[in-house]
């Protein structure tokens, strides 16, 4: 702890290269969080939508008015799109170039 620092050690190097690298790293971290969030939210929505859609199609006691049908289709489509989006972000990020 007795190390003395010089003025040169405390300077901040600001260059476009370091700023752009920092932005790329920040984008990768945000991409990871978006992919994980898409999986966490998308898979349950897909499962709920698929279950409700099967109940409507096979008549296992689920009400079939038009509002519930539209809601079930929206939940299914949103879950499917979020799952596909999370998967594509994950695969794109982890593909070696």
C-alpha atoms as a PDB file:
ATOM      1  CA  UNK A   1       0.000   0.000   0.000  1.00  0.00           C
ATOM      2  CA  UNK A   2       3.002   2.291   0.150  1.00  0.00           C
ATOM      3  CA  UNK A   3       3.277   2.477  -3.633  1.00  0.00           C
ATOM      4  CA  UNK A   4       3.545   6.041  -4.833  1.00  0.00           C
ATOM      5  CA  UNK A   5       1.765   6.892  -8.059  1.00  0.00           C
ATOM      6  CA  UNK A   6       3.031   9.395 -10.512  1.00  0.00           C
ATOM      7  CA  UNK A   7       0.928  11.865 -12.428  1.00  0.00           C
ATOM      8  CA  UNK A   8       1.220   9.702 -15.559  1.00  0.00           C
ATOM      9  CA  UNK A   9      -0.451   6.749 -13.828  1.00  0.00           C
ATOM     10  CA  UNK A  10      -3.550   8.778 -13.035  1.00  0.00           C
ATOM     11  CA  UNK A  11      -4.206  10.151 -16.498  1.00  0.00           C
ATOM     12  CA  UNK A  12      -7.146   8.918 -18.534  1.00  0.00           C
ATOM     13  CA  UNK A  13      -6.390   7.918 -22.092  1.00  0.00           C
ATOM     14  CA  UNK A  14      -9.256   8.985 -24.301  1.00  0.00           C
ATOM     15  CA  UNK A  15      -9.129   7.748 -27.841  1.00  0.00           C
ATOM     16  CA  UNK A  16     -11.706   6.620 -30.350  1.00  0.00           C
ATOM     17  CA  UNK A  17     -10.352   3.078 -30.302  1.00  0.00           C
ATOM     18  CA  UNK A  18     -10.939   2.591 -26.583  1.00  0.00           C
ATOM     19  CA  UNK A  19     -14.326   4.294 -26.657  1.00  0.00           C
ATOM     20  CA  UNK A  20     -15.519   2.115 -29.524  1.00  0.00           C
ATOM     21  CA  UNK A  21     -14.248  -1.043 -27.813  1.00  0.00           C
ATOM     22  CA  UNK A  22     -16.101  -0.024 -24.671  1.00  0.00           C
ATOM     23  CA  UNK A  23     -19.274   0.488 -26.690  1.00  0.00           C
ATOM     24  CA  UNK A  24     -18.920  -2.919 -28.329  1.00  0.00           C
ATOM     25  CA  UNK A  25     -18.457  -4.605 -24.958  1.00  0.00           C
ATOM     26  CA  UNK A  26     -21.494  -2.767 -23.588  1.00  0.00           C
ATOM     27  CA  UNK A  27     -23.539  -3.879 -26.575  1.00  0.00           C
ATOM     28  CA  UNK A  28     -22.505  -7.491 -26.037  1.00  0.00           C
ATOM     29  CA  UNK A  29     -23.592  -7.343 -22.409  1.00  0.00           C
ATOM     30  CA  UNK A  30     -26.930  -5.786 -23.351  1.00  0.00           C
ATOM     31  CA  UNK A  31     -27.369  -8.460 -26.041  1.00  0.00           C
ATOM     32  CA  UNK A  32     -26.777 -11.201 -23.476  1.00  0.00           C
ATOM     33  CA  UNK A  33     -29.399  -9.719 -21.167  1.00  0.00           C
ATOM     34  CA  UNK A  34     -31.915  -9.323 -23.985  1.00  0.00           C
ATOM     35  CA  UNK A  35     -31.394 -12.916 -25.122  1.00  0.00           C
ATOM     36  CA  UNK A  36     -31.755 -14.239 -21.586  1.00  0.00           C
ATOM     37  CA  UNK A  37     -34.836 -12.090 -20.957  1.00  0.00           C
ATOM     38  CA  UNK A  38     -36.391 -13.283 -24.187  1.00  0.00           C
ATOM     39  CA  UNK A  39     -35.938 -16.899 -23.140  1.00  0.00           C
ATOM     40  CA  UNK A  40     -37.197 -16.273 -19.611  1.00  0.00           C
ATOM     41  CA  UNK A  41     -40.342 -14.495 -20.813  1.00  0.00           C
ATOM     42  CA  UNK A  42     -40.833 -16.174 -24.202  1.00  0.00           C
ATOM     43  CA  UNK A  43     -40.841 -19.839 -23.202  1.00  0.00           C
ATOM     44  CA  UNK A  44     -43.585 -19.515 -20.530  1.00  0.00           C
ATOM     45  CA  UNK A  45     -45.707 -17.372 -22.864  1.00  0.00           C
ATOM     46  CA  UNK A  46     -45.244 -19.938 -25.622  1.00  0.00           C
ATOM     47  CA  UNK A  47     -46.208 -22.754 -23.269  1.00  0.00           C
ATOM     48  CA  UNK A  48     -49.281 -20.954 -21.932  1.00  0.00           C
ATOM     49  CA  UNK A  49     -50.405 -19.970 -25.430  1.00  0.00           C
ATOM     50  CA  UNK A  50     -49.893 -23.480 -26.796  1.00  0.00           C
ATOM     51  CA  UNK A  51     -51.775 -25.048 -23.879  1.00  0.00           C
ATOM     52  CA  UNK A  52     -54.690 -22.638 -24.246  1.00  0.00           C
ATOM     53  CA  UNK A  53     -54.746 -23.063 -28.023  1.00  0.00           C
ATOM     54  CA  UNK A  54     -54.887 -26.850 -27.680  1.00  0.00           C
ATOM     55  CA  UNK A  55     -57.705 -26.506 -25.142  1.00  0.00           C
ATOM     56  CA  UNK A  56     -59.653 -24.348 -27.578  1.00  0.00           C
ATOM     57  CA  UNK A  57     -59.035 -26.612 -30.575  1.00  0.00           C
ATOM     58  CA  UNK A  58     -59.848 -29.904 -28.864  1.00  0.00           C
ATOM     59  CA  UNK A  59     -62.649 -28.562 -26.647  1.00  0.00           C
ATOM     60  CA  UNK A  60     -61.343 -29.591 -23.252  1.00  0.00           C
ATOM     61  CA  UNK A  61     -63.484 -27.016 -21.475  1.00  0.00           C
ATOM     62  CA  UNK A  62     -61.762 -23.745 -22.361  1.00  0.00           C
ATOM     63  CA  UNK A  63     -64.178 -20.918 -23.330  1.00  0.00           C
ATOM     64  CA  UNK A  64     -64.052 -20.044 -26.999  1.00  0.00           C
ATOM     65  CA  UNK A  65     -65.300 -16.488 -27.315  1.00  0.00           C
ATOM     66  CA  UNK A  66     -63.442 -14.256 -29.741  1.00  0.00           C
ATOM     67  CA  UNK A  67     -61.676 -12.075 -27.142  1.00  0.00           C
ATOM     68  CA  UNK A  68     -60.059 -15.076 -25.465  1.00  0.00           C
ATOM     69  CA  UNK A  69     -59.146 -16.567 -28.838  1.00  0.00           C
ATOM     70  CA  UNK A  70     -57.393 -13.341 -29.878  1.00  0.00           C
ATOM     71  CA  UNK A  71     -55.609 -13.148 -26.512  1.00  0.00           C
ATOM     72  CA  UNK A  72     -54.439 -16.759 -26.773  1.00  0.00           C
ATOM     73  CA  UNK A  73     -53.136 -16.205 -30.295  1.00  0.00           C
ATOM     74  CA  UNK A  74     -51.320 -13.029 -29.230  1.00  0.00           C
ATOM     75  CA  UNK A  75     -49.717 -14.762 -26.237  1.00  0.00           C
ATOM     76  CA  UNK A  76     -48.667 -17.677 -28.447  1.00  0.00           C
ATOM     77  CA  UNK A  77     -47.232 -15.437 -31.178  1.00  0.00           C
ATOM     78  CA  UNK A  78     -45.417 -13.146 -28.713  1.00  0.00           C
ATOM     79  CA  UNK A  79     -43.928 -16.147 -26.922  1.00  0.00           C
ATOM     80  CA  UNK A  80     -42.856 -17.723 -30.208  1.00  0.00           C
ATOM     81  CA  UNK A  81     -41.260 -14.516 -31.491  1.00  0.00           C
ATOM     82  CA  UNK A  82     -39.457 -13.857 -28.203  1.00  0.00           C
ATOM     83  CA  UNK A  83     -38.101 -17.400 -28.113  1.00  0.00           C
ATOM     84  CA  UNK A  84     -36.916 -17.204 -31.733  1.00  0.00           C
ATOM     85  CA  UNK A  85     -35.405 -13.753 -31.109  1.00  0.00           C
ATOM     86  CA  UNK A  86     -33.555 -14.875 -27.996  1.00  0.00           C
ATOM     87  CA  UNK A  87     -32.251 -17.950 -29.785  1.00  0.00           C
ATOM     88  CA  UNK A  88     -31.046 -15.962 -32.795  1.00  0.00           C
ATOM     89  CA  UNK A  89     -29.310 -13.387 -30.582  1.00  0.00           C
ATOM     90  CA  UNK A  90     -27.639 -16.168 -28.609  1.00  0.00           C
ATOM     91  CA  UNK A  91     -26.503 -18.041 -31.724  1.00  0.00           C
ATOM     92  CA  UNK A  92     -25.284 -14.881 -33.478  1.00  0.00           C
ATOM     93  CA  UNK A  93     -23.288 -13.858 -30.429  1.00  0.00           C
ATOM     94  CA  UNK A  94     -21.675 -17.269 -29.985  1.00  0.00           C
ATOM     95  CA  UNK A  95     -20.840 -18.072 -33.613  1.00  0.00           C
ATOM     96  CA  UNK A  96     -17.111 -18.030 -34.195  1.00  0.00           C
ATOM     97  CA  UNK A  97     -16.133 -15.990 -37.213  1.00  0.00           C
END
